[in-house]
C-alpha atoms as a PDB file:
ATOM      1  CA  UNK A   1       0.049  -0.113  -0.054  1.00  0.00           C
ATOM      2  CA  UNK A   2       1.722   3.362  -1.094  1.00  0.00           C
ATOM      3  CA  UNK A   3       0.883   6.683   0.501  1.00  0.00           C
ATOM      4  CA  UNK A   4      -0.179  10.006  -1.048  1.00  0.00           C
ATOM      5  CA  UNK A   5       1.302  13.378  -0.194  1.00  0.00           C
ATOM      6  CA  UNK A   6      -0.720  13.873   3.070  1.00  0.00           C
ATOM      7  CA  UNK A   7       0.243  10.275   4.332  1.00  0.00           C
ATOM      8  CA  UNK A   8      -3.129   8.604   3.902  1.00  0.00           C
ATOM      9  CA  UNK A   9      -3.544   5.558   1.989  1.00  0.00           C
ATOM     10  CA  UNK A  10      -3.521   5.941  -1.890  1.00  0.00           C
ATOM     11  CA  UNK A  11      -7.118   5.790  -3.599  1.00  0.00           C
ATOM     12  CA  UNK A  12      -7.758   6.340  -7.102  1.00  0.00           C
ATOM     13  CA  UNK A  13      -4.414   7.928  -8.396  1.00  0.00           C
ATOM     14  CA  UNK A  14      -3.776   7.393 -11.882  1.00  0.00           C
ATOM     15  CA  UNK A  15      -0.247   5.662 -12.546  1.00  0.00           C
ATOM     16  CA  UNK A  16       1.735   7.416 -15.104  1.00  0.00           C
ATOM     17  CA  UNK A  17       5.012   6.516 -16.965  1.00  0.00           C
ATOM     18  CA  UNK A  18       8.067   7.145 -14.627  1.00  0.00           C
ATOM     19  CA  UNK A  19      10.139   8.680 -17.489  1.00  0.00           C
ATOM     20  CA  UNK A  20       8.903   9.905 -20.930  1.00  0.00           C
ATOM     21  CA  UNK A  21      10.381  11.685 -23.640  1.00  0.00           C
ATOM     22  CA  UNK A  22       7.158  13.888 -24.056  1.00  0.00           C
ATOM     23  CA  UNK A  23       6.185  15.578 -27.271  1.00  0.00           C
ATOM     24  CA  UNK A  24       8.553  16.175 -30.325  1.00  0.00           C
ATOM     25  CA  UNK A  25       8.742  17.847 -33.621  1.00  0.00           C
ATOM     26  CA  UNK A  26      10.920  17.198 -36.788  1.00  0.00           C
ATOM     27  CA  UNK A  27      13.888  19.374 -34.823  1.00  0.00           C
ATOM     28  CA  UNK A  28      13.943  17.945 -31.401  1.00  0.00           C
ATOM     29  CA  UNK A  29      12.157  16.063 -28.649  1.00  0.00           C
ATOM     30  CA  UNK A  30      10.673  17.582 -25.707  1.00  0.00           C
ATOM     31  CA  UNK A  31      12.796  16.342 -23.253  1.00  0.00           C
ATOM     32  CA  UNK A  32      15.971  17.578 -25.066  1.00  0.00           C
ATOM     33  CA  UNK A  33      14.418  21.046 -25.515  1.00  0.00           C
ATOM     34  CA  UNK A  34      13.422  21.176 -21.541  1.00  0.00           C
ATOM     35  CA  UNK A  35      16.931  20.291 -20.632  1.00  0.00           C
ATOM     36  CA  UNK A  36      18.490  22.892 -22.848  1.00  0.00           C
ATOM     37  CA  UNK A  37      16.180  25.694 -21.373  1.00  0.00           C
ATOM     38  CA  UNK A  38      16.779  24.366 -17.960  1.00  0.00           C
ATOM     39  CA  UNK A  39      20.529  24.572 -18.283  1.00  0.00           C
ATOM     40  CA  UNK A  40      20.218  27.992 -19.753  1.00  0.00           C
ATOM     41  CA  UNK A  41      17.977  29.315 -16.855  1.00  0.00           C
ATOM     42  CA  UNK A  42      20.318  27.542 -14.344  1.00  0.00           C
ATOM     43  CA  UNK A  43      23.163  29.776 -15.616  1.00  0.00           C
ATOM     44  CA  UNK A  44      21.153  32.957 -15.603  1.00  0.00           C
ATOM     45  CA  UNK A  45      19.866  32.408 -12.085  1.00  0.00           C
ATOM     46  CA  UNK A  46      23.364  31.310 -10.717  1.00  0.00           C
ATOM     47  CA  UNK A  47      24.714  34.478 -12.638  1.00  0.00           C
ATOM     48  CA  UNK A  48      22.225  36.543 -10.726  1.00  0.00           C
ATOM     49  CA  UNK A  49      23.148  35.035  -7.485  1.00  0.00           C
ATOM     50  CA  UNK A  50      20.461  32.525  -6.809  1.00  0.00           C
ATOM     51  CA  UNK A  51      21.091  29.027  -5.516  1.00  0.00           C
ATOM     52  CA  UNK A  52      19.925  26.528  -7.968  1.00  0.00           C
ATOM     53  CA  UNK A  53      19.166  22.589  -7.417  1.00  0.00           C
ATOM     54  CA  UNK A  54      18.734  20.759 -10.786  1.00  0.00           C
ATOM     55  CA  UNK A  55      16.555  17.806 -10.763  1.00  0.00           C
ATOM     56  CA  UNK A  56      18.498  16.511 -13.905  1.00  0.00           C
ATOM     57  CA  UNK A  57      21.514  17.963 -15.914  1.00  0.00           C
ATOM     58  CA  UNK A  58      21.544  15.159 -18.403  1.00  0.00           C
ATOM     59  CA  UNK A  59      19.113  13.080 -20.642  1.00  0.00           C
ATOM     60  CA  UNK A  60      19.733  10.024 -19.018  1.00  0.00           C
ATOM     61  CA  UNK A  61      17.457   9.857 -15.843  1.00  0.00           C
ATOM     62  CA  UNK A  62      15.294   7.440 -14.097  1.00  0.00           C
ATOM     63  CA  UNK A  63      13.239   9.707 -11.885  1.00  0.00           C
ATOM     64  CA  UNK A  64       9.408  10.044 -11.288  1.00  0.00           C
ATOM     65  CA  UNK A  65       7.565  13.197 -11.015  1.00  0.00           C
ATOM     66  CA  UNK A  66       6.973  12.393  -7.102  1.00  0.00           C
ATOM     67  CA  UNK A  67      10.737  11.915  -6.687  1.00  0.00           C
ATOM     68  CA  UNK A  68      11.329  15.312  -8.304  1.00  0.00           C
ATOM     69  CA  UNK A  69       8.901  16.963  -5.822  1.00  0.00           C
ATOM     70  CA  UNK A  70      10.602  15.286  -3.051  1.00  0.00           C
ATOM     71  CA  UNK A  71      13.837  16.800  -4.043  1.00  0.00           C
ATOM     72  CA  UNK A  72      12.463  20.290  -4.023  1.00  0.00           C
ATOM     73  CA  UNK A  73      10.933  19.527  -0.663  1.00  0.00           C
ATOM     74  CA  UNK A  74      14.261  18.389   0.653  1.00  0.00           C
ATOM     75  CA  UNK A  75      15.725  21.700  -0.201  1.00  0.00           C
ATOM     76  CA  UNK A  76      12.738  23.727   0.914  1.00  0.00           C
ATOM     77  CA  UNK A  77      12.958  25.313  -2.372  1.00  0.00           C
ATOM     78  CA  UNK A  78      11.479  29.023  -2.685  1.00  0.00           C
ATOM     79  CA  UNK A  79      10.493  27.966  -6.275  1.00  0.00           C
ATOM     80  CA  UNK A  80      10.057  24.529  -7.785  1.00  0.00           C
ATOM     81  CA  UNK A  81       9.827  25.388 -11.574  1.00  0.00           C
ATOM     82  CA  UNK A  82       9.266  22.372 -14.077  1.00  0.00           C
ATOM     83  CA  UNK A  83       9.871  23.310 -17.650  1.00  0.00           C
ATOM     84  CA  UNK A  84       7.729  21.418 -20.319  1.00  0.00           C
ATOM     85  CA  UNK A  85       6.460  22.029 -23.955  1.00  0.00           C
ATOM     86  CA  UNK A  86       2.983  21.158 -25.238  1.00  0.00           C
ATOM     87  CA  UNK A  87       1.902  19.347 -28.036  1.00  0.00           C
ATOM     88  CA  UNK A  88      -1.479  18.996 -29.745  1.00  0.00           C
ATOM     89  CA  UNK A  89      -3.191  17.578 -32.867  1.00  0.00           C
ATOM     90  CA  UNK A  90      -3.964  20.818 -34.489  1.00  0.00           C
ATOM     91  CA  UNK A  91      -0.606  22.442 -35.256  1.00  0.00           C
ATOM     92  CA  UNK A  92      -2.034  26.021 -35.531  1.00  0.00           C
ATOM     93  CA  UNK A  93      -2.456  25.917 -31.599  1.00  0.00           C
ATOM     94  CA  UNK A  94       0.086  28.245 -29.881  1.00  0.00           C
ATOM     95  CA  UNK A  95       0.811  30.163 -26.677  1.00  0.00           C
ATOM     96  CA  UNK A  96       2.232  29.593 -23.311  1.00  0.00           C
ATOM     97  CA  UNK A  97       0.656  28.633 -20.096  1.00  0.00           C
ATOM     98  CA  UNK A  98       1.589  27.603 -16.685  1.00  0.00           C
ATOM     99  CA  UNK A  99      -0.006  25.135 -14.319  1.00  0.00           C
ATOM    100  CA  UNK A 100      -0.436  25.058 -10.419  1.00  0.00           C
ATOM    101  CA  UNK A 101      -2.792  23.149  -8.074  1.00  0.00           C
ATOM    102  CA  UNK A 102      -6.419  24.404  -7.107  1.00  0.00           C
ATOM    103  CA  UNK A 103      -7.284  26.236  -4.017  1.00  0.00           C
ATOM    104  CA  UNK A 104      -9.174  22.995  -3.080  1.00  0.00           C
ATOM    105  CA  UNK A 105      -6.450  20.472  -3.641  1.00  0.00           C
ATOM    106  CA  UNK A 106      -7.242  17.298  -1.474  1.00  0.00           C
ATOM    107  CA  UNK A 107      -3.750  17.152  -0.338  1.00  0.00           C
ATOM    108  CA  UNK A 108      -3.366  19.678   2.715  1.00  0.00           C
ATOM    109  CA  UNK A 109       0.263  20.321   2.464  1.00  0.00           C
ATOM    110  CA  UNK A 110      -0.128  20.973  -1.393  1.00  0.00           C
ATOM    111  CA  UNK A 111      -3.336  23.112  -0.825  1.00  0.00           C
ATOM    112  CA  UNK A 112      -1.455  25.421   1.733  1.00  0.00           C
ATOM    113  CA  UNK A 113       0.828  26.402  -1.266  1.00  0.00           C
ATOM    114  CA  UNK A 114      -1.811  27.244  -3.477  1.00  0.00           C
ATOM    115  CA  UNK A 115      -1.569  31.349  -3.120  1.00  0.00           C
ATOM    116  CA  UNK A 116       2.349  31.085  -3.611  1.00  0.00           C
ATOM    117  CA  UNK A 117       2.073  28.542  -6.348  1.00  0.00           C
ATOM    118  CA  UNK A 118      -0.569  30.562  -8.187  1.00  0.00           C
ATOM    119  CA  UNK A 119       1.613  33.605  -7.827  1.00  0.00           C
ATOM    120  CA  UNK A 120       4.622  31.963  -8.901  1.00  0.00           C
ATOM    121  CA  UNK A 121       2.641  30.654 -12.148  1.00  0.00           C
ATOM    122  CA  UNK A 122       1.310  34.211 -12.845  1.00  0.00           C
ATOM    123  CA  UNK A 123       5.008  35.545 -12.421  1.00  0.00           C
ATOM    124  CA  UNK A 124       6.801  32.970 -14.593  1.00  0.00           C
ATOM    125  CA  UNK A 125       3.916  33.297 -17.404  1.00  0.00           C
ATOM    126  CA  UNK A 126       4.143  37.032 -17.522  1.00  0.00           C
ATOM    127  CA  UNK A 127       7.875  37.064 -17.644  1.00  0.00           C
ATOM    128  CA  UNK A 128       8.441  34.340 -20.218  1.00  0.00           C
ATOM    129  CA  UNK A 129       5.730  36.148 -22.485  1.00  0.00           C
ATOM    130  CA  UNK A 130       7.220  39.526 -22.115  1.00  0.00           C
ATOM    131  CA  UNK A 131      10.646  38.243 -22.897  1.00  0.00           C
ATOM    132  CA  UNK A 132       9.872  35.969 -25.909  1.00  0.00           C
ATOM    133  CA  UNK A 133       6.903  37.875 -27.244  1.00  0.00           C
ATOM    134  CA  UNK A 134       4.953  34.521 -27.223  1.00  0.00           C
ATOM    135  CA  UNK A 135       0.971  34.692 -26.904  1.00  0.00           C
ATOM    136  CA  UNK A 136       0.087  34.140 -23.194  1.00  0.00           C
ATOM    137  CA  UNK A 137      -2.684  31.598 -22.586  1.00  0.00           C
ATOM    138  CA  UNK A 138      -3.452  31.038 -19.202  1.00  0.00           C
ATOM    139  CA  UNK A 139      -2.394  29.863 -15.506  1.00  0.00           C
ATOM    140  CA  UNK A 140      -4.034  26.352 -15.620  1.00  0.00           C
ATOM    141  CA  UNK A 141      -5.222  24.993 -12.311  1.00  0.00           C
ATOM    142  CA  UNK A 142      -5.158  21.173 -11.818  1.00  0.00           C
ATOM    143  CA  UNK A 143      -5.006  18.523  -9.204  1.00  0.00           C
ATOM    144  CA  UNK A 144      -3.961  15.821 -11.584  1.00  0.00           C
ATOM    145  CA  UNK A 145      -0.344  16.534 -11.756  1.00  0.00           C
ATOM    146  CA  UNK A 146       1.908  14.222  -9.539  1.00  0.00           C
ATOM    147  CA  UNK A 147       4.910  16.570  -9.314  1.00  0.00           C
ATOM    148  CA  UNK A 148       2.835  19.422  -8.055  1.00  0.00           C
ATOM    149  CA  UNK A 149       0.518  17.157  -5.467  1.00  0.00           C
ATOM    150  CA  UNK A 150       3.747  15.921  -3.962  1.00  0.00           C
ATOM    151  CA  UNK A 151       5.090  19.405  -3.592  1.00  0.00           C
ATOM    152  CA  UNK A 152       5.307  21.090  -0.283  1.00  0.00           C
ATOM    153  CA  UNK A 153       6.781  24.255  -1.750  1.00  0.00           C
ATOM    154  CA  UNK A 154       5.622  26.869  -4.190  1.00  0.00           C
ATOM    155  CA  UNK A 155       5.454  25.048  -7.567  1.00  0.00           C
ATOM    156  CA  UNK A 156       4.739  25.687 -11.200  1.00  0.00           C
ATOM    157  CA  UNK A 157       4.931  23.870 -14.581  1.00  0.00           C
ATOM    158  CA  UNK A 158       5.616  26.086 -17.503  1.00  0.00           C
ATOM    159  CA  UNK A 159       4.649  24.819 -21.140  1.00  0.00           C
ATOM    160  CA  UNK A 160       7.137  26.719 -23.186  1.00  0.00           C
ATOM    161  CA  UNK A 161       4.941  26.651 -26.413  1.00  0.00           C
ATOM    162  CA  UNK A 162       3.602  24.003 -28.717  1.00  0.00           C
ATOM    163  CA  UNK A 163       6.280  21.745 -30.157  1.00  0.00           C
ATOM    164  CA  UNK A 164       3.649  20.735 -32.778  1.00  0.00           C
ATOM    165  CA  UNK A 165       3.203  24.434 -34.006  1.00  0.00           C
ATOM    166  CA  UNK A 166       6.068  25.046 -36.690  1.00  0.00           C
END
């Protein structure tokens, strides 16, 4: 019997692939793009005087979303930022979004981070769109993301854009 973030027994939690390459296009895979962007962000943040803990620095990893969140918790991160890129059947769809938990997240330690996670998501979305000129979609609130539900620190997932849009 496994446990969920608040320590209770697991109920109807969907199982997900531990490691996935994500979406892709004719130029690159999502996991390669995400890593490239993460390393650039790391270098910028360190250059600005921030301490950075990377979940991965190579493409070769075997770590679940739950384990990623637990690393952020271990370091009591001020911000846990996950970098992703969307994909969609309609290649005309474009724009950037961020994700965070809802205010009514069923896990108390995660729900307690809602206001900070929402503010982080808005800041990351606005800043990224201001710098890139990419269209802003929204902050999407969901309680279906393992990497968020296990987080006990402010967290966001940024979807950099749609890899399926040329």
